[in-house]
Amino acid sequence: MPWLQLRVDTNRERAEQIEDALLFAGAVSVTLQDNADQPILEPGLGEVPLWDETRVTGLFDAEVDTAVAEARAASSLGEALPNARWEQLEDKDWEREWMAHYHPIQCGDNLWICPSWCEPPAPDAVNLMLDPGLAFGTGTHPTTFLCLEWLAREPVAGKSVIDFGCGSGILGIAALLLGAEHALGTDIDPQALRASADNAVRNGLAPEQFPVFMPEKLPQAPVDLVLANILAGPLVELAPKLIALTRPGGRLCLSGILASQAEQVREAYSPWVEFEEDGQREDWVRLSGTRRS
């Protein structure tokens, strides 16, 4: 089905007003994106940040009367749309276009993350089958890759694991496929818990091997290995809890940390944890270490 898109270049202050105006004009969806290469890597709690220069794009049916739609948007906004231009969106097989961006990812000598539509490049390796979905964690983001890279080198056979902030369940499932005896997942997002459970089944795991919980229902017995790929602020705040979940002599792997935040996170855990060399990929850092006995 062909589409038209109306693109409007604006600033942070006007972006949400223009978004509302395009929806009023009949846009079936509206996206906001950075228009000046200004990354927002970790918003504050409760913030919905926008970029100083923002591009607002409304998607319209190709049969729309563009003059009428633009006039309706202007009436809603109270003035003409600034820097507005119509473009025809190329008619593609969008499902195949989307799938083409995802390929198997090698995270260690013997660990691959593979979309379901791809043949595993190394059939004899540990191949975690995972499709992109609503929950975070496909292996493509540097923080997830850093954790998987570490996990692939870690002796996990027979160990108990907690995947804290499990998202798609990728870390807990990888630990189980690498030989962990039991893993628990927890997340504040019910959608993540559903995704984790579904992905575990997709990888041939029984539900009892990877039960998932809201944080308040998570069993509190310490485990051998705690994986937490969340963000620096929550990692600092949760340090006593994550330490309590790690048995003496157990291992922690923490990520979701910008390089500039690494020292703050390390300080929060240093009374209990002997850290090893950091891992880094792009601007992101992984901290790992052993809880002191």
C-alpha atoms as a PDB file:
ATOM      1  CA  MET A   1       0.000   0.000   0.000  1.00  0.00           C
ATOM      2  CA  PRO A   2       1.503   3.394  -1.013  1.00  0.00           C
ATOM      3  CA  TRP A   3       1.885   6.173   1.554  1.00  0.00           C
ATOM      4  CA  LEU A   4       2.745   9.854   1.757  1.00  0.00           C
ATOM      5  CA  GLN A   5       4.675  11.387   4.606  1.00  0.00           C
ATOM      6  CA  LEU A   6       4.667  15.000   5.740  1.00  0.00           C
ATOM      7  CA  ARG A   7       7.962  16.022   7.318  1.00  0.00           C
ATOM      8  CA  VAL A   8       8.251  19.076   9.548  1.00  0.00           C
ATOM      9  CA  ASP A   9      11.584  20.309  10.936  1.00  0.00           C
ATOM     10  CA  THR A  10      11.102  22.087  14.237  1.00  0.00           C
ATOM     11  CA  ASN A  11      12.535  22.491  17.723  1.00  0.00           C
ATOM     12  CA  ARG A  12      12.052  20.842  21.093  1.00  0.00           C
ATOM     13  CA  GLU A  13       9.425  23.361  22.239  1.00  0.00           C
ATOM     14  CA  ARG A  14       7.095  22.948  19.235  1.00  0.00           C
ATOM     15  CA  ALA A  15       7.526  19.226  18.484  1.00  0.00           C
ATOM     16  CA  GLU A  16       4.616  17.906  20.552  1.00  0.00           C
ATOM     17  CA  GLN A  17       2.248  20.627  19.279  1.00  0.00           C
ATOM     18  CA  ILE A  18       3.132  19.707  15.692  1.00  0.00           C
ATOM     19  CA  GLU A  19       2.678  16.023  16.510  1.00  0.00           C
ATOM     20  CA  ASP A  20      -0.866  16.781  17.729  1.00  0.00           C
ATOM     21  CA  ALA A  21      -1.548  18.912  14.647  1.00  0.00           C
ATOM     22  CA  LEU A  22      -0.527  16.116  12.253  1.00  0.00           C
ATOM     23  CA  LEU A  23      -2.737  13.619  14.086  1.00  0.00           C
ATOM     24  CA  PHE A  24      -5.621  16.124  13.897  1.00  0.00           C
ATOM     25  CA  ALA A  25      -4.977  16.370  10.140  1.00  0.00           C
ATOM     26  CA  GLY A  26      -5.446  12.616   9.727  1.00  0.00           C
ATOM     27  CA  ALA A  27      -1.968  11.121  10.084  1.00  0.00           C
ATOM     28  CA  VAL A  28      -2.174   7.399  10.859  1.00  0.00           C
ATOM     29  CA  SER A  29       1.086   7.640  12.823  1.00  0.00           C
ATOM     30  CA  VAL A  30       3.621  10.272  13.810  1.00  0.00           C
ATOM     31  CA  THR A  31       7.304   9.765  14.587  1.00  0.00           C
ATOM     32  CA  LEU A  32       9.773  12.150  16.208  1.00  0.00           C
ATOM     33  CA  GLN A  33      13.473  11.833  15.523  1.00  0.00           C
ATOM     34  CA  ASP A  34      16.759  13.600  16.086  1.00  0.00           C
ATOM     35  CA  ASN A  35      17.451  16.146  13.350  1.00  0.00           C
ATOM     36  CA  ALA A  36      20.973  17.155  14.408  1.00  0.00           C
ATOM     37  CA  ASP A  37      22.832  14.038  15.605  1.00  0.00           C
ATOM     38  CA  GLN A  38      22.187  14.775  19.284  1.00  0.00           C
ATOM     39  CA  PRO A  39      21.982  11.439  21.149  1.00  0.00           C
ATOM     40  CA  ILE A  40      19.966  11.141  24.366  1.00  0.00           C
ATOM     41  CA  LEU A  41      21.572   8.175  26.075  1.00  0.00           C
ATOM     42  CA  GLU A  42      19.982   8.102  29.521  1.00  0.00           C
ATOM     43  CA  PRO A  43      16.934  10.270  30.306  1.00  0.00           C
ATOM     44  CA  GLY A  44      16.147  11.148  33.893  1.00  0.00           C
ATOM     45  CA  LEU A  45      13.439   9.286  35.757  1.00  0.00           C
ATOM     46  CA  GLY A  46      10.009  10.337  34.458  1.00  0.00           C
ATOM     47  CA  GLU A  47      11.459  12.448  31.628  1.00  0.00           C
ATOM     48  CA  VAL A  48      10.314  12.193  28.007  1.00  0.00           C
ATOM     49  CA  PRO A  49      13.242  14.023  26.389  1.00  0.00           C
ATOM     50  CA  LEU A  50      13.293  15.507  22.898  1.00  0.00           C
ATOM     51  CA  TRP A  51      16.126  16.824  20.795  1.00  0.00           C
ATOM     52  CA  ASP A  52      16.874  20.533  20.343  1.00  0.00           C
ATOM     53  CA  GLU A  53      16.269  20.048  16.620  1.00  0.00           C
ATOM     54  CA  THR A  54      13.480  17.551  16.013  1.00  0.00           C
ATOM     55  CA  ARG A  55      11.970  16.165  12.822  1.00  0.00           C
ATOM     56  CA  VAL A  56       8.270  15.313  13.098  1.00  0.00           C
ATOM     57  CA  THR A  57       6.965  12.974  10.390  1.00  0.00           C
ATOM     58  CA  GLY A  58       3.303  12.183   9.814  1.00  0.00           C
ATOM     59  CA  LEU A  59       2.293   9.149   7.758  1.00  0.00           C
ATOM     60  CA  PHE A  60      -0.775   9.586   5.487  1.00  0.00           C
ATOM     61  CA  ASP A  61      -2.679   7.430   3.030  1.00  0.00           C
ATOM     62  CA  ALA A  62      -1.477   8.200  -0.515  1.00  0.00           C
ATOM     63  CA  GLU A  63      -4.987   9.326  -1.537  1.00  0.00           C
ATOM     64  CA  VAL A  64      -5.050  12.138   1.024  1.00  0.00           C
ATOM     65  CA  ASP A  65      -5.681  15.663  -0.245  1.00  0.00           C
ATOM     66  CA  THR A  66      -2.364  17.163   0.815  1.00  0.00           C
ATOM     67  CA  ALA A  67      -3.586  20.765   0.716  1.00  0.00           C
ATOM     68  CA  VAL A  68      -6.562  19.950   2.951  1.00  0.00           C
ATOM     69  CA  ALA A  69      -4.429  17.936   5.372  1.00  0.00           C
ATOM     70  CA  GLU A  70      -1.855  20.704   5.633  1.00  0.00           C
ATOM     71  CA  ALA A  71      -4.597  23.298   6.173  1.00  0.00           C
ATOM     72  CA  ARG A  72      -6.161  21.201   8.961  1.00  0.00           C
ATOM     73  CA  ALA A  73      -2.796  20.857  10.650  1.00  0.00           C
ATOM     74  CA  ALA A  74      -2.227  24.615  10.377  1.00  0.00           C
ATOM     75  CA  SER A  75      -5.642  25.335  11.881  1.00  0.00           C
ATOM     76  CA  SER A  76      -4.845  23.078  14.823  1.00  0.00           C
ATOM     77  CA  LEU A  77      -1.422  24.651  15.290  1.00  0.00           C
ATOM     78  CA  GLY A  78      -2.655  28.223  14.814  1.00  0.00           C
ATOM     79  CA  GLU A  79      -0.129  28.951  12.071  1.00  0.00           C
ATOM     80  CA  ALA A  80       1.345  27.395   8.946  1.00  0.00           C
ATOM     81  CA  LEU A  81       3.547  24.333   9.470  1.00  0.00           C
ATOM     82  CA  PRO A  82       7.213  25.406   9.528  1.00  0.00           C
ATOM     83  CA  ASN A  83       9.610  23.861   7.014  1.00  0.00           C
ATOM     84  CA  ALA A  84       7.005  21.318   5.882  1.00  0.00           C
ATOM     85  CA  ARG A  85       7.418  19.068   2.859  1.00  0.00           C
ATOM     86  CA  TRP A  86       5.520  16.110   1.424  1.00  0.00           C
ATOM     87  CA  GLU A  87       7.341  12.988   0.247  1.00  0.00           C
ATOM     88  CA  GLN A  88       6.166   9.780  -1.352  1.00  0.00           C
ATOM     89  CA  LEU A  89       7.149   6.763   0.698  1.00  0.00           C
ATOM     90  CA  GLU A  90       8.542   4.019  -1.469  1.00  0.00           C
ATOM     91  CA  ASP A  91       6.225   1.015  -1.648  1.00  0.00           C
ATOM     92  CA  LYS A  92       8.198  -1.940  -0.253  1.00  0.00           C
ATOM     93  CA  ASP A  93       7.717  -5.255   1.378  1.00  0.00           C
ATOM     94  CA  TRP A  94       8.285  -3.671   4.767  1.00  0.00           C
ATOM     95  CA  GLU A  95       8.387  -6.962   6.643  1.00  0.00           C
ATOM     96  CA  ARG A  96      11.259  -8.217   4.509  1.00  0.00           C
ATOM     97  CA  GLU A  97      12.913  -4.791   4.626  1.00  0.00           C
ATOM     98  CA  TRP A  98      12.828  -4.887   8.432  1.00  0.00           C
ATOM     99  CA  MET A  99      14.095  -8.466   8.575  1.00  0.00           C
ATOM    100  CA  ALA A 100      17.045  -7.612   6.345  1.00  0.00           C
ATOM    101  CA  HIS A 101      18.514  -5.444   9.114  1.00  0.00           C
ATOM    102  CA  TYR A 102      18.926  -8.378  11.527  1.00  0.00           C
ATOM    103  CA  HIS A 103      21.622 -11.016  11.115  1.00  0.00           C
ATOM    104  CA  PRO A 104      23.172 -13.661  13.377  1.00  0.00           C
ATOM    105  CA  ILE A 105      25.527 -12.123  15.940  1.00  0.00           C
ATOM    106  CA  GLN A 106      28.551 -13.952  17.315  1.00  0.00           C
ATOM    107  CA  CYS A 107      28.998 -13.038  20.986  1.00  0.00           C
ATOM    108  CA  GLY A 108      31.772 -15.474  21.869  1.00  0.00           C
ATOM    109  CA  ASP A 109      33.661 -18.450  20.536  1.00  0.00           C
ATOM    110  CA  ASN A 110      30.632 -20.691  21.002  1.00  0.00           C
ATOM    111  CA  LEU A 111      27.622 -18.345  21.335  1.00  0.00           C
ATOM    112  CA  TRP A 112      25.462 -16.900  18.577  1.00  0.00           C
ATOM    113  CA  ILE A 113      22.186 -14.927  18.646  1.00  0.00           C
ATOM    114  CA  CYS A 114      20.135 -15.834  15.566  1.00  0.00           C
ATOM    115  CA  PRO A 115      16.840 -14.470  14.201  1.00  0.00           C
ATOM    116  CA  SER A 116      14.395 -17.260  13.443  1.00  0.00           C
ATOM    117  CA  TRP A 117      14.495 -16.627   9.682  1.00  0.00           C
ATOM    118  CA  CYS A 118      18.272 -17.240   9.478  1.00  0.00           C
ATOM    119  CA  GLU A 119      20.144 -20.506   9.455  1.00  0.00           C
ATOM    120  CA  PRO A 120      22.654 -20.599  12.335  1.00  0.00           C
ATOM    121  CA  PRO A 121      26.123 -19.995  10.852  1.00  0.00           C
ATOM    122  CA  ALA A 122      27.657 -22.459  13.338  1.00  0.00           C
ATOM    123  CA  PRO A 123      25.138 -25.288  13.896  1.00  0.00           C
ATOM    124  CA  ASP A 124      27.305 -26.949  16.544  1.00  0.00           C
ATOM    125  CA  ALA A 125      27.601 -23.757  18.627  1.00  0.00           C
ATOM    126  CA  VAL A 126      25.135 -22.530  21.250  1.00  0.00           C
ATOM    127  CA  ASN A 127      22.538 -20.770  19.093  1.00  0.00           C
ATOM    128  CA  LEU A 128      19.970 -18.637  20.899  1.00  0.00           C
ATOM    129  CA  MET A 129      17.029 -18.069  18.554  1.00  0.00           C
ATOM    130  CA  LEU A 130      15.575 -14.621  19.169  1.00  0.00           C
ATOM    131  CA  ASP A 131      13.498 -12.253  17.055  1.00  0.00           C
ATOM    132  CA  PRO A 132      13.287  -8.502  17.689  1.00  0.00           C
ATOM    133  CA  GLY A 133      10.165  -7.686  19.673  1.00  0.00           C
ATOM    134  CA  LEU A 134       8.601  -5.291  22.161  1.00  0.00           C
ATOM    135  CA  ALA A 135      11.080  -6.074  24.962  1.00  0.00           C
ATOM    136  CA  PHE A 136      14.677  -4.817  25.025  1.00  0.00           C
ATOM    137  CA  GLY A 137      17.468  -7.238  24.223  1.00  0.00           C
ATOM    138  CA  THR A 138      18.401  -8.718  20.843  1.00  0.00           C
ATOM    139  CA  GLY A 139      22.196  -8.639  21.086  1.00  0.00           C
ATOM    140  CA  THR A 140      22.505  -5.679  18.707  1.00  0.00           C
ATOM    141  CA  HIS A 141      22.815  -3.038  21.438  1.00  0.00           C
ATOM    142  CA  PRO A 142      26.346  -2.635  22.847  1.00  0.00           C
ATOM    143  CA  THR A 143      25.223  -3.224  26.444  1.00  0.00           C
ATOM    144  CA  THR A 144      23.565  -6.537  25.625  1.00  0.00           C
ATOM    145  CA  PHE A 145      26.508  -7.637  23.494  1.00  0.00           C
ATOM    146  CA  LEU A 146      28.944  -6.825  26.318  1.00  0.00           C
ATOM    147  CA  CYS A 147      26.994  -9.022  28.734  1.00  0.00           C
ATOM    148  CA  LEU A 148      26.732 -11.889  26.253  1.00  0.00           C
ATOM    149  CA  GLU A 149      30.431 -11.634  25.439  1.00  0.00           C
ATOM    150  CA  TRP A 150      31.247 -11.906  29.139  1.00  0.00           C
ATOM    151  CA  LEU A 151      28.746 -14.720  29.675  1.00  0.00           C
ATOM    152  CA  ALA A 152      30.240 -16.750  26.822  1.00  0.00           C
ATOM    153  CA  ARG A 153      33.592 -16.773  28.669  1.00  0.00           C
ATOM    154  CA  GLU A 154      32.161 -17.389  32.136  1.00  0.00           C
ATOM    155  CA  PRO A 155      32.020 -20.948  33.545  1.00  0.00           C
ATOM    156  CA  VAL A 156      28.260 -21.098  34.129  1.00  0.00           C
ATOM    157  CA  ALA A 157      27.701 -24.870  34.048  1.00  0.00           C
ATOM    158  CA  GLY A 158      25.590 -25.948  37.004  1.00  0.00           C
ATOM    159  CA  LYS A 159      25.203 -22.377  38.295  1.00  0.00           C
ATOM    160  CA  SER A 160      22.085 -20.518  39.462  1.00  0.00           C
ATOM    161  CA  VAL A 161      21.390 -17.188  37.744  1.00  0.00           C
ATOM    162  CA  ILE A 162      19.218 -14.075  38.077  1.00  0.00           C
ATOM    163  CA  ASP A 163      18.589 -11.941  34.990  1.00  0.00           C
ATOM    164  CA  PHE A 164      17.611  -8.645  36.666  1.00  0.00           C
ATOM    165  CA  GLY A 165      15.751  -6.396  34.229  1.00  0.00           C
ATOM    166  CA  CYS A 166      15.385  -9.334  31.883  1.00  0.00           C
ATOM    167  CA  GLY A 167      13.682  -7.581  28.937  1.00  0.00           C
ATOM    168  CA  SER A 168      13.539 -10.244  26.224  1.00  0.00           C
ATOM    169  CA  GLY A 169      15.154 -12.777  28.577  1.00  0.00           C
ATOM    170  CA  ILE A 170      18.225 -12.957  26.373  1.00  0.00           C
ATOM    171  CA  LEU A 171      20.798 -13.097  29.180  1.00  0.00           C
ATOM    172  CA  GLY A 172      19.018 -15.645  31.350  1.00  0.00           C
ATOM    173  CA  ILE A 173      18.245 -17.846  28.354  1.00  0.00           C
ATOM    174  CA  ALA A 174      21.851 -17.617  27.122  1.00  0.00           C
ATOM    175  CA  ALA A 175      23.086 -18.664  30.574  1.00  0.00           C
ATOM    176  CA  LEU A 176      20.797 -21.701  30.535  1.00  0.00           C
ATOM    177  CA  LEU A 177      21.845 -22.721  27.025  1.00  0.00           C
ATOM    178  CA  LEU A 178      25.469 -22.412  28.133  1.00  0.00           C
ATOM    179  CA  GLY A 179      24.848 -24.885  30.949  1.00  0.00           C
ATOM    180  CA  ALA A 180      23.431 -22.991  33.930  1.00  0.00           C
ATOM    181  CA  GLU A 181      21.222 -25.201  36.058  1.00  0.00           C
ATOM    182  CA  HIS A 182      18.500 -22.680  36.832  1.00  0.00           C
ATOM    183  CA  ALA A 183      17.710 -19.040  36.067  1.00  0.00           C
ATOM    184  CA  LEU A 184      15.176 -16.497  37.275  1.00  0.00           C
ATOM    185  CA  GLY A 185      14.087 -13.408  35.378  1.00  0.00           C
ATOM    186  CA  THR A 186      12.595 -10.205  36.714  1.00  0.00           C
ATOM    187  CA  ASP A 187      11.415  -6.974  35.125  1.00  0.00           C
ATOM    188  CA  ILE A 188       9.081  -4.094  35.961  1.00  0.00           C
ATOM    189  CA  ASP A 189       7.396  -4.432  32.537  1.00  0.00           C
ATOM    190  CA  PRO A 190       4.763  -7.208  32.205  1.00  0.00           C
ATOM    191  CA  GLN A 191       5.404  -7.235  28.441  1.00  0.00           C
ATOM    192  CA  ALA A 192       9.042  -8.139  29.151  1.00  0.00           C
ATOM    193  CA  LEU A 193       7.981 -11.041  31.344  1.00  0.00           C
ATOM    194  CA  ARG A 194       5.743 -12.383  28.572  1.00  0.00           C
ATOM    195  CA  ALA A 195       8.519 -11.962  26.008  1.00  0.00           C
ATOM    196  CA  SER A 196      11.039 -13.726  28.259  1.00  0.00           C
ATOM    197  CA  ALA A 197       8.716 -16.673  28.847  1.00  0.00           C
ATOM    198  CA  ASP A 198       7.911 -16.972  25.130  1.00  0.00           C
ATOM    199  CA  ASN A 199      11.577 -16.760  24.119  1.00  0.00           C
ATOM    200  CA  ALA A 200      12.518 -19.436  26.639  1.00  0.00           C
ATOM    201  CA  VAL A 201       9.971 -21.841  25.132  1.00  0.00           C
ATOM    202  CA  ARG A 202      11.190 -20.955  21.624  1.00  0.00           C
ATOM    203  CA  ASN A 203      14.660 -22.073  22.680  1.00  0.00           C
ATOM    204  CA  GLY A 204      13.487 -25.420  23.978  1.00  0.00           C
ATOM    205  CA  LEU A 205      13.477 -24.550  27.682  1.00  0.00           C
ATOM    206  CA  ALA A 206      10.802 -25.714  30.081  1.00  0.00           C
ATOM    207  CA  PRO A 207       8.901 -22.942  31.936  1.00  0.00           C
ATOM    208  CA  GLU A 208      10.273 -24.131  35.274  1.00  0.00           C
ATOM    209  CA  GLN A 209      13.847 -23.612  34.016  1.00  0.00           C
ATOM    210  CA  PHE A 210      13.312 -19.862  33.591  1.00  0.00           C
ATOM    211  CA  PRO A 211      10.437 -18.565  35.728  1.00  0.00           C
ATOM    212  CA  VAL A 212       9.907 -14.812  35.559  1.00  0.00           C
ATOM    213  CA  PHE A 213       8.630 -12.434  38.231  1.00  0.00           C
ATOM    214  CA  MET A 214       7.718  -8.846  38.923  1.00  0.00           C
ATOM    215  CA  PRO A 215      10.441  -7.482  41.253  1.00  0.00           C
ATOM    216  CA  GLU A 216       8.295  -7.645  44.382  1.00  0.00           C
ATOM    217  CA  LYS A 217       7.650 -11.365  43.772  1.00  0.00           C
ATOM    218  CA  LEU A 218      11.255 -12.342  42.995  1.00  0.00           C
ATOM    219  CA  PRO A 219      12.604 -15.044  45.360  1.00  0.00           C
ATOM    220  CA  GLN A 220      15.326 -13.582  47.568  1.00  0.00           C
ATOM    221  CA  ALA A 221      17.639 -16.600  47.884  1.00  0.00           C
ATOM    222  CA  PRO A 222      21.172 -15.624  46.747  1.00  0.00           C
ATOM    223  CA  VAL A 223      22.429 -17.115  43.481  1.00  0.00           C
ATOM    224  CA  ASP A 224      25.788 -17.819  41.869  1.00  0.00           C
ATOM    225  CA  LEU A 225      25.493 -15.221  39.122  1.00  0.00           C
ATOM    226  CA  VAL A 226      23.556 -11.922  38.859  1.00  0.00           C
ATOM    227  CA  LEU A 227      23.219 -10.220  35.471  1.00  0.00           C
ATOM    228  CA  ALA A 228      21.798  -6.672  35.399  1.00  0.00           C
ATOM    229  CA  ASN A 229      21.737  -4.799  32.102  1.00  0.00           C
ATOM    230  CA  ILE A 230      19.664  -1.775  33.069  1.00  0.00           C
ATOM    231  CA  LEU A 231      20.920   1.828  33.533  1.00  0.00           C
ATOM    232  CA  ALA A 232      23.487   3.492  35.772  1.00  0.00           C
ATOM    233  CA  GLY A 233      20.988   5.304  38.015  1.00  0.00           C
ATOM    234  CA  PRO A 234      18.972   2.185  38.902  1.00  0.00           C
ATOM    235  CA  LEU A 235      22.171   0.145  39.281  1.00  0.00           C
ATOM    236  CA  VAL A 236      23.454   2.566  41.917  1.00  0.00           C
ATOM    237  CA  GLU A 237      20.102   2.659  43.700  1.00  0.00           C
ATOM    238  CA  LEU A 238      19.752  -1.132  43.615  1.00  0.00           C
ATOM    239  CA  ALA A 239      23.293  -1.950  44.745  1.00  0.00           C
ATOM    240  CA  PRO A 240      22.312  -3.315  48.202  1.00  0.00           C
ATOM    241  CA  LYS A 241      19.550  -5.440  46.659  1.00  0.00           C
ATOM    242  CA  LEU A 242      21.716  -6.880  43.903  1.00  0.00           C
ATOM    243  CA  ILE A 243      24.493  -7.610  46.380  1.00  0.00           C
ATOM    244  CA  ALA A 244      22.015  -9.414  48.651  1.00  0.00           C
ATOM    245  CA  LEU A 245      20.943 -11.551  45.669  1.00  0.00           C
ATOM    246  CA  THR A 246      24.562 -12.593  45.015  1.00  0.00           C
ATOM    247  CA  ARG A 247      26.027 -15.306  47.230  1.00  0.00           C
ATOM    248  CA  PRO A 248      29.490 -14.709  48.741  1.00  0.00           C
ATOM    249  CA  GLY A 249      31.960 -15.729  46.061  1.00  0.00           C
ATOM    250  CA  GLY A 250      29.262 -15.242  43.416  1.00  0.00           C
ATOM    251  CA  ARG A 251      29.656 -13.190  40.275  1.00  0.00           C
ATOM    252  CA  LEU A 252      28.034  -9.959  39.061  1.00  0.00           C
ATOM    253  CA  CYS A 253      27.813  -8.565  35.540  1.00  0.00           C
ATOM    254  CA  LEU A 254      26.496  -4.991  35.315  1.00  0.00           C
ATOM    255  CA  SER A 255      25.840  -3.024  32.141  1.00  0.00           C
ATOM    256  CA  GLY A 256      23.719  -0.232  30.683  1.00  0.00           C
ATOM    257  CA  ILE A 257      26.458   2.129  31.909  1.00  0.00           C
ATOM    258  CA  LEU A 258      28.007   5.003  29.976  1.00  0.00           C
ATOM    259  CA  ALA A 259      31.779   5.288  30.248  1.00  0.00           C
ATOM    260  CA  SER A 260      31.359   8.578  32.121  1.00  0.00           C
ATOM    261  CA  GLN A 261      29.162   6.809  34.719  1.00  0.00           C
ATOM    262  CA  ALA A 262      31.351   3.763  35.332  1.00  0.00           C
ATOM    263  CA  GLU A 263      33.208   5.144  38.340  1.00  0.00           C
ATOM    264  CA  GLN A 264      29.961   6.106  40.100  1.00  0.00           C
ATOM    265  CA  VAL A 265      28.562   2.593  39.653  1.00  0.00           C
ATOM    266  CA  ARG A 266      31.843   0.975  40.681  1.00  0.00           C
ATOM    267  CA  GLU A 267      31.916   3.027  43.889  1.00  0.00           C
ATOM    268  CA  ALA A 268      28.384   1.904  44.786  1.00  0.00           C
ATOM    269  CA  TYR A 269      29.459  -1.771  44.666  1.00  0.00           C
ATOM    270  CA  SER A 270      33.098  -1.576  45.719  1.00  0.00           C
ATOM    271  CA  PRO A 271      32.454  -2.280  49.451  1.00  0.00           C
ATOM    272  CA  TRP A 272      31.307  -5.777  48.451  1.00  0.00           C
ATOM    273  CA  VAL A 273      32.732  -6.524  44.996  1.00  0.00           C
ATOM    274  CA  GLU A 274      36.237  -7.151  43.695  1.00  0.00           C
ATOM    275  CA  PHE A 275      36.031  -5.781  40.163  1.00  0.00           C
ATOM    276  CA  GLU A 276      37.998  -7.025  37.180  1.00  0.00           C
ATOM    277  CA  GLU A 277      38.917  -5.199  34.001  1.00  0.00           C
ATOM    278  CA  ASP A 278      36.011  -3.309  32.425  1.00  0.00           C
ATOM    279  CA  GLY A 279      34.596  -4.151  29.030  1.00  0.00           C
ATOM    280  CA  GLN A 280      33.701  -1.321  26.651  1.00  0.00           C
ATOM    281  CA  ARG A 281      31.887  -1.081  23.320  1.00  0.00           C
ATOM    282  CA  GLU A 282      31.299   2.340  21.793  1.00  0.00           C
ATOM    283  CA  ASP A 283      30.243   4.643  24.677  1.00  0.00           C
ATOM    284  CA  TRP A 284      29.000   1.816  26.895  1.00  0.00           C
ATOM    285  CA  VAL A 285      30.773  -0.078  29.669  1.00  0.00           C
ATOM    286  CA  ARG A 286      30.370  -3.457  31.382  1.00  0.00           C
ATOM    287  CA  LEU A 287      31.482  -3.905  34.990  1.00  0.00           C
ATOM    288  CA  SER A 288      31.998  -7.395  36.349  1.00  0.00           C
ATOM    289  CA  GLY A 289      33.457  -8.906  39.464  1.00  0.00           C
ATOM    290  CA  THR A 290      33.174 -11.270  42.406  1.00  0.00           C
ATOM    291  CA  ARG A 291      31.339 -10.669  45.655  1.00  0.00           C
ATOM    292  CA  ARG A 292      33.791 -10.872  48.533  1.00  0.00           C
ATOM    293  CA  SER A 293      33.264 -13.708  51.015  1.00  0.00           C
END
